[in-house]
Amino acid sequence: MKKLSALLFVGLFASVAHASPSDELDSFLQEGRIGSQIQHVGQNVRNTASDLVSTAMGFIGVPYRYGGTSAESGFDCSGFVRATYEKTLGKVLPRRAADQAAATQSISRSELRPGDLVFFNTMRRAFSHVGIYVGDGKFIHAPRSGARVRVESMDGSYWSSRFNGARRVPGSEGIASTITTKTAFDIASQVGN
């Protein structure tokens, strides 16, 4: 988004450099070129973010399977995250939760946005479990053997005591920062969370 803003600014500056500044600037703004371009890019980012959360929510109910990487055969936690990102954004994350943590950017819990990854220490080692943050302190994940993909609160005693860190997938910064909690929960309510 910063690059787009810079390009738009350069384009605006170049277009007004050869004419009367107020005439060209007025014309440029009246035609709505900046507003429509920014609105178009913003809408694309929101759509992609909604797609990411929607894809994840679409896997609710898929059974857990250790080493599982597909909805057809079942998911483990990292297989679920990997499949969601690959299907939605074409990003192929590493296979293991700890490797996903290593390949992503650390952020603070207060910076979490829907689509970011949340990690937990569930096996007495860092980053042994991963899920996708959906907003309002909730995340979606493939929890354990005998369970199914579901949404849970990070604030419950089990998950809050095991919270291990938040991460953002490189290249998804715009996605994570533009999806709103309301959008995530609108999607969740449609799925029957």
Protein backbone atom coordinates (compact mmCIF):
# COMPACT_ATOMS: atom_id res chain seq x y z
CA MET A 1 0.00 0.00 0.00
CA LYS A 2 2.92 2.34 0.74
CA LYS A 3 4.30 1.67 -2.74
CA LEU A 4 0.92 2.42 -4.32
CA SER A 5 0.61 5.66 -2.36
CA ALA A 6 4.12 6.71 -3.39
CA LEU A 7 3.42 5.92 -7.06
CA LEU A 8 0.15 7.82 -6.94
CA PHE A 9 1.90 10.79 -5.34
CA VAL A 10 4.66 10.74 -7.99
CA GLY A 11 2.01 10.47 -10.72
CA LEU A 12 0.09 13.36 -9.22
CA PHE A 13 3.23 15.47 -8.93
CA ALA A 14 4.33 14.69 -12.50
CA SER A 15 0.90 15.47 -13.94
CA VAL A 16 0.71 18.88 -12.30
CA ALA A 17 4.33 19.90 -12.92
CA HIS A 18 3.71 21.19 -16.46
CA ALA A 19 0.44 23.06 -15.96
CA SER A 20 -1.14 25.46 -13.60
CA PRO A 21 -0.95 23.64 -10.29
CA SER A 22 -4.45 24.48 -9.12
CA ASP A 23 -6.12 23.65 -12.48
CA GLU A 24 -4.43 20.27 -12.88
CA LEU A 25 -4.81 19.32 -9.23
CA ASP A 26 -8.51 20.25 -9.27
CA SER A 27 -9.01 18.26 -12.46
CA PHE A 28 -7.12 15.27 -11.07
CA LEU A 29 -9.12 15.24 -7.83
CA GLN A 30 -12.46 15.85 -9.56
CA GLU A 31 -11.90 12.93 -11.89
CA GLY A 32 -11.42 10.80 -8.76
CA ARG A 33 -8.35 9.01 -10.09
CA ILE A 34 -6.62 8.73 -6.70
CA GLY A 35 -9.74 7.85 -4.77
CA SER A 36 -10.92 5.22 -7.22
CA GLN A 37 -7.49 3.59 -7.49
CA ILE A 38 -7.05 3.46 -3.71
CA GLN A 39 -10.62 2.20 -3.27
CA HIS A 40 -10.03 -0.54 -5.88
CA VAL A 41 -6.81 -1.73 -4.23
CA GLY A 42 -8.41 -1.61 -0.78
CA GLN A 43 -11.37 -3.68 -1.98
CA ASN A 44 -9.04 -6.30 -3.50
CA VAL A 45 -7.14 -6.58 -0.22
CA ARG A 46 -10.37 -6.89 1.79
CA ASN A 47 -11.66 -9.54 -0.59
CA THR A 48 -8.45 -11.54 -0.24
CA ALA A 49 -8.55 -11.26 3.55
CA SER A 50 -12.16 -12.38 3.60
CA ASP A 51 -11.20 -15.26 1.32
CA LEU A 52 -8.46 -16.36 3.74
CA VAL A 53 -10.77 -16.41 6.76
CA SER A 54 -13.59 -17.91 4.69
CA THR A 55 -11.32 -20.71 3.46
CA ALA A 56 -10.25 -21.46 7.02
CA MET A 57 -13.87 -21.44 8.23
CA GLY A 58 -14.80 -23.73 5.36
CA PHE A 59 -12.62 -26.40 6.95
CA ILE A 60 -14.59 -26.40 10.23
CA GLY A 61 -15.51 -29.97 11.06
CA VAL A 62 -12.65 -31.62 9.16
CA PRO A 63 -11.23 -34.34 11.41
CA TYR A 64 -7.78 -34.12 12.93
CA ARG A 65 -5.22 -36.52 11.51
CA TYR A 66 -1.57 -36.51 12.56
CA GLY A 67 0.48 -35.54 9.49
CA GLY A 68 -2.73 -34.68 7.61
CA THR A 69 -2.56 -32.10 4.87
CA SER A 70 -5.97 -32.16 3.16
CA ALA A 71 -9.65 -31.77 3.91
CA GLU A 72 -10.26 -35.16 2.35
CA SER A 73 -7.94 -37.09 4.66
CA GLY A 74 -7.87 -34.72 7.67
CA PHE A 75 -5.50 -32.08 9.03
CA ASP A 76 -3.02 -31.66 11.78
CA CYS A 77 -2.50 -28.09 12.98
CA SER A 78 0.30 -27.09 10.62
CA GLY A 79 -1.25 -28.97 7.69
CA PHE A 80 -4.42 -26.96 8.21
CA VAL A 81 -2.56 -23.62 8.24
CA ARG A 82 -0.46 -24.60 5.24
CA ALA A 83 -3.48 -25.72 3.19
CA THR A 84 -5.43 -22.54 4.04
CA TYR A 85 -2.62 -20.22 2.95
CA GLU A 86 -1.78 -22.23 -0.14
CA LYS A 87 -5.40 -22.50 -1.30
CA THR A 88 -6.22 -18.85 -0.68
CA LEU A 89 -3.00 -16.93 -1.35
CA GLY A 90 -0.79 -19.44 -3.17
CA LYS A 91 1.78 -19.15 -0.35
CA VAL A 92 3.42 -22.45 0.55
CA LEU A 93 4.41 -22.41 4.20
CA PRO A 94 6.76 -24.97 5.76
CA ARG A 95 5.20 -28.24 6.91
CA ARG A 96 5.90 -28.14 10.67
CA ALA A 97 4.54 -25.58 13.16
CA ALA A 98 8.02 -24.68 14.47
CA ASP A 99 9.24 -24.14 10.90
CA GLN A 100 6.18 -21.97 10.16
CA ALA A 101 7.10 -19.85 13.19
CA ALA A 102 10.68 -19.52 11.94
CA ALA A 103 9.52 -18.51 8.45
CA THR A 104 7.15 -15.76 9.61
CA GLN A 105 7.51 -12.33 11.20
CA SER A 106 7.10 -12.01 14.96
CA ILE A 107 4.44 -9.53 16.08
CA SER A 108 3.07 -8.69 19.51
CA ARG A 109 -0.25 -10.08 20.65
CA SER A 110 -1.70 -6.58 20.56
CA GLU A 111 -0.88 -6.37 16.83
CA LEU A 112 -2.84 -9.51 15.92
CA ARG A 113 -5.18 -9.18 12.95
CA PRO A 114 -7.40 -11.85 11.41
CA GLY A 115 -5.27 -14.08 9.20
CA ASP A 116 -2.17 -13.89 11.43
CA LEU A 117 -0.77 -17.06 12.96
CA VAL A 118 -0.89 -17.87 16.67
CA PHE A 119 1.44 -20.40 18.28
CA PHE A 120 1.19 -22.44 21.45
CA ASN A 121 3.46 -24.67 23.52
CA THR A 122 1.37 -27.84 23.82
CA MET A 123 4.14 -30.45 23.86
CA ARG A 124 6.65 -28.88 26.25
CA ARG A 125 8.43 -27.23 23.36
CA ALA A 126 8.04 -23.84 21.74
CA PHE A 127 5.82 -23.50 18.70
CA SER A 128 4.41 -27.03 18.86
CA HIS A 129 0.87 -25.95 17.87
CA VAL A 130 -0.40 -23.33 15.39
CA GLY A 131 -3.73 -21.80 14.39
CA ILE A 132 -5.09 -18.86 12.42
CA TYR A 133 -6.31 -15.82 14.35
CA VAL A 134 -9.87 -14.80 13.37
CA GLY A 135 -10.35 -11.80 15.68
CA ASP A 136 -11.86 -11.01 19.07
CA GLY A 137 -9.38 -13.27 20.86
CA LYS A 138 -10.40 -16.34 18.86
CA PHE A 139 -8.50 -18.65 16.53
CA ILE A 140 -9.30 -21.56 14.23
CA HIS A 141 -7.19 -24.71 14.32
CA ALA A 142 -7.01 -28.49 14.10
CA PRO A 143 -6.70 -29.24 17.84
CA ARG A 144 -5.82 -32.88 18.51
CA SER A 145 -6.52 -36.52 17.73
CA GLY A 146 -10.22 -37.31 18.00
CA ALA A 147 -11.23 -33.65 17.46
CA ARG A 148 -12.17 -31.59 14.42
CA VAL A 149 -11.15 -28.19 13.03
CA ARG A 150 -12.88 -25.58 15.19
CA VAL A 151 -12.80 -22.02 16.55
CA GLU A 152 -11.69 -21.50 20.16
CA SER A 153 -10.92 -18.61 22.47
CA MET A 154 -7.29 -17.82 23.18
CA ASP A 155 -8.42 -16.47 26.55
CA GLY A 156 -9.46 -19.83 27.99
CA SER A 157 -7.10 -21.10 30.69
CA TYR A 158 -5.61 -23.91 28.57
CA TRP A 159 -4.72 -21.76 25.54
CA SER A 160 -3.78 -18.57 27.39
CA SER A 161 -1.28 -20.42 29.58
CA ARG A 162 0.31 -22.03 26.50
CA PHE A 163 0.33 -19.00 24.18
CA ASN A 164 3.75 -18.90 22.58
CA GLY A 165 3.65 -16.00 20.18
CA ALA A 166 2.02 -14.33 17.20
CA ARG A 167 3.41 -14.25 13.69
CA ARG A 168 2.55 -12.63 10.37
CA VAL A 169 3.15 -14.35 7.06
CA PRO A 170 5.52 -12.22 4.93
CA GLY A 171 3.63 -10.50 2.14
CA SER A 172 0.29 -10.65 3.95
CA GLU A 173 0.74 -7.42 5.93
CA GLY A 174 -1.89 -5.57 3.91
CA ILE A 175 -4.29 -8.46 4.19
CA ALA A 176 -3.97 -8.77 7.92
CA SER A 177 -4.28 -5.05 8.53
CA THR A 178 -7.43 -4.49 6.49
CA ILE A 179 -9.75 -7.33 7.44
CA THR A 180 -11.93 -6.35 10.35
CA THR A 181 -13.02 -8.43 13.29
CA LYS A 182 -16.61 -7.81 12.19
CA THR A 183 -15.86 -9.30 8.76
CA ALA A 184 -14.25 -12.36 10.35
CA PHE A 185 -17.21 -12.94 12.64
CA ASP A 186 -19.75 -12.30 9.90
CA ILE A 187 -18.07 -15.16 8.04
CA ALA A 188 -17.91 -17.29 11.19
CA SER A 189 -21.62 -16.82 11.88
CA GLN A 190 -22.47 -17.87 8.32
CA VAL A 191 -20.54 -21.10 8.80
CA GLY A 192 -22.32 -21.84 12.04
CA ASN A 193 -19.58 -21.14 14.53
